[in-house]
Amino acid sequence: MQSGLTSFVKPQKPLLSEVNRRKRLDWALNHVDWTIEDWKRVIWSDETKVNRFGSDGKLYAWKQPNEKLKRRHVKQTVKHGGGSLMVWSCISWYGVGYIVDVGKNMDKSVYLSVLQDDLVKSMTDYCEENDLRMADFEFMQDNGPKHKSKIVFE
């Protein structure tokens, strides 16, 4: 008997406390009336890990029950996973900022250096190419601990 159910990998979602849910809603409500011109002033930034070989995620392959395993059915690997890069960048209405290799782990001092050097260079380019001032921009980042550290806000 078939139930009509299918299996799937559970999607991942961040665990959010009620306080964080409220903060996110408040942020959205505070920005709901922004115009395109307001959003043009925003510079978004984040860091991410980029694998040199393959994915950290699950991969699926499909084959018939009696079909032999073929190359397309197999996830090929390299010793030690092939390594990865941790990079930071920013983006705005005016384009993509510099992409920076931040090493294995970006702590608050590395983050501060990236902001002082690479964010400023990116903003300078945006300003020179579009006849803008740095004061015209609003910088957006997530609330990661290194982003909120005392050294970054000094």
Protein backbone atom coordinates (compact mmCIF):
# COMPACT_ATOMS: atom_id res chain seq x y z
CA MET A 1 0.00 0.00 0.00
CA GLN A 2 1.38 3.40 -0.95
CA SER A 3 0.78 6.31 1.38
CA GLY A 4 1.70 9.01 -1.13
CA LEU A 5 4.49 10.22 1.15
CA THR A 6 7.98 10.95 -0.11
CA SER A 7 11.16 11.39 1.87
CA PHE A 8 13.37 14.46 1.77
CA VAL A 9 16.35 15.89 3.59
CA LYS A 10 15.19 18.23 6.33
CA PRO A 11 16.10 21.81 5.47
CA GLN A 12 18.31 23.63 7.94
CA LYS A 13 17.11 26.81 9.57
CA PRO A 14 18.82 28.91 12.24
CA LEU A 15 17.51 28.44 15.75
CA LEU A 16 15.91 31.77 16.61
CA SER A 17 14.85 32.82 20.07
CA GLU A 18 11.69 34.82 20.51
CA VAL A 19 13.86 37.90 21.20
CA ASN A 20 15.71 37.43 17.89
CA ARG A 21 12.45 36.87 16.01
CA ARG A 22 11.17 40.15 17.44
CA LYS A 23 14.37 42.00 16.51
CA ARG A 24 14.13 40.73 12.93
CA LEU A 25 10.50 41.77 12.67
CA ASP A 26 11.30 45.21 14.13
CA TRP A 27 14.12 45.65 11.61
CA ALA A 28 11.81 44.71 8.74
CA LEU A 29 9.07 47.06 9.96
CA ASN A 30 11.60 49.91 10.31
CA HIS A 31 12.64 49.46 6.67
CA VAL A 32 9.29 48.60 5.05
CA ASP A 33 8.82 52.12 3.66
CA TRP A 34 12.31 52.47 2.21
CA THR A 35 12.42 53.51 -1.41
CA ILE A 36 14.74 52.18 -4.11
CA GLU A 37 16.85 55.30 -3.53
CA ASP A 38 17.20 54.37 0.17
CA TRP A 39 18.27 50.81 -0.70
CA LYS A 40 20.80 52.13 -3.22
CA ARG A 41 22.73 53.58 -0.27
CA VAL A 42 23.23 50.20 1.42
CA ILE A 43 26.44 48.20 1.31
CA TRP A 44 25.92 44.56 2.30
CA SER A 45 28.82 42.42 3.47
CA ASP A 46 29.50 38.90 4.67
CA GLU A 47 32.08 36.17 4.71
CA THR A 48 31.75 32.62 3.45
CA LYS A 49 33.71 29.44 3.09
CA VAL A 50 34.37 28.28 -0.46
CA ASN A 51 35.43 24.66 -0.92
CA ARG A 52 38.25 24.06 -3.36
CA PHE A 53 36.78 20.69 -4.29
CA GLY A 54 33.21 19.51 -3.87
CA SER A 55 30.42 20.45 -1.54
CA ASP A 56 29.74 20.08 2.17
CA GLY A 57 26.11 19.33 1.36
CA LYS A 58 24.35 16.12 0.48
CA LEU A 59 24.40 15.03 -3.14
CA TYR A 60 21.81 12.74 -4.70
CA ALA A 61 22.01 10.44 -7.69
CA TRP A 62 19.30 8.41 -9.36
CA LYS A 63 19.60 5.01 -11.01
CA GLN A 64 17.48 1.99 -11.77
CA PRO A 65 17.56 -0.80 -9.14
CA ASN A 66 19.61 -3.18 -11.33
CA GLU A 67 21.73 -0.50 -13.00
CA LYS A 68 25.47 -0.65 -12.32
CA LEU A 69 27.09 2.22 -10.48
CA LYS A 70 28.45 4.76 -12.98
CA ARG A 71 30.78 7.71 -12.58
CA ARG A 72 27.87 10.17 -12.37
CA HIS A 73 26.51 8.23 -9.37
CA VAL A 74 29.65 8.72 -7.28
CA LYS A 75 30.94 11.74 -5.39
CA GLN A 76 34.64 11.85 -6.12
CA THR A 77 36.88 13.06 -3.31
CA VAL A 78 40.43 14.14 -2.72
CA LYS A 79 42.56 13.56 0.37
CA HIS A 80 41.71 15.87 3.26
CA GLY A 81 38.74 17.28 1.37
CA GLY A 82 40.78 19.54 -0.91
CA GLY A 83 40.74 22.49 1.48
CA SER A 84 38.75 25.65 1.44
CA LEU A 85 39.04 29.42 1.37
CA MET A 86 37.35 31.85 3.73
CA VAL A 87 36.53 35.04 1.84
CA TRP A 88 34.87 38.36 2.65
CA SER A 89 33.28 40.79 0.25
CA CYS A 90 30.62 43.43 -0.04
CA ILE A 91 28.04 44.38 -2.62
CA SER A 92 25.92 47.42 -3.31
CA TRP A 93 23.67 48.82 -6.00
CA TYR A 94 26.85 50.11 -7.60
CA GLY A 95 28.65 46.79 -7.89
CA VAL A 96 30.70 44.12 -6.17
CA GLY A 97 33.42 45.13 -3.75
CA TYR A 98 36.85 43.62 -3.31
CA ILE A 99 36.93 39.91 -2.49
CA VAL A 100 39.40 39.18 0.29
CA ASP A 101 40.98 35.89 1.38
CA VAL A 102 40.75 36.14 5.18
CA GLY A 103 42.59 32.92 6.01
CA LYS A 104 41.23 29.94 7.89
CA ASN A 105 39.24 31.87 10.47
CA MET A 106 38.12 35.47 10.57
CA ASP A 107 38.26 36.82 14.10
CA LYS A 108 37.48 40.36 15.24
CA SER A 109 40.98 41.73 14.52
CA VAL A 110 41.01 40.29 10.98
CA TYR A 111 37.49 41.65 10.47
CA LEU A 112 38.55 45.11 11.63
CA SER A 113 41.48 45.05 9.20
CA VAL A 114 39.15 44.02 6.35
CA LEU A 115 36.79 46.90 7.14
CA GLN A 116 39.60 49.45 7.41
CA ASP A 117 41.27 48.34 4.19
CA ASP A 118 38.98 46.50 1.81
CA LEU A 119 35.61 48.00 2.71
CA VAL A 120 37.12 51.47 2.48
CA LYS A 121 38.70 50.63 -0.92
CA SER A 122 35.37 49.29 -2.18
CA MET A 123 33.50 52.36 -0.96
CA THR A 124 36.12 54.66 -2.48
CA ASP A 125 35.62 52.98 -5.84
CA TYR A 126 31.82 53.27 -5.57
CA CYS A 127 32.16 56.96 -4.71
CA GLU A 128 34.66 57.84 -7.45
CA GLU A 129 32.72 56.00 -10.14
CA ASN A 130 29.32 57.41 -9.18
CA ASP A 131 30.05 60.90 -7.80
CA LEU A 132 29.04 59.92 -4.25
CA ARG A 133 30.38 60.53 -0.75
CA MET A 134 31.17 57.83 1.80
CA ALA A 135 28.67 59.47 4.14
CA ASP A 136 25.96 58.64 1.58
CA PHE A 137 26.22 54.93 2.41
CA GLU A 138 24.77 52.75 5.15
CA PHE A 139 26.75 49.63 6.02
CA MET A 140 24.78 46.42 6.71
CA GLN A 141 26.19 43.29 8.30
CA ASP A 142 24.80 40.38 10.27
CA ASN A 143 25.09 40.21 14.04
CA GLY A 144 27.97 37.76 14.22
CA PRO A 145 30.09 38.18 17.38
CA LYS A 146 33.10 39.52 15.45
CA HIS A 147 30.85 42.10 13.77
CA LYS A 148 29.60 43.41 17.12
CA SER A 149 32.90 43.28 19.04
CA LYS A 150 34.10 46.34 20.95
CA ILE A 151 37.26 46.69 18.85
CA VAL A 152 35.18 46.99 15.66
CA PHE A 153 32.97 49.76 17.07
CA GLU A 154 35.81 51.87 18.54
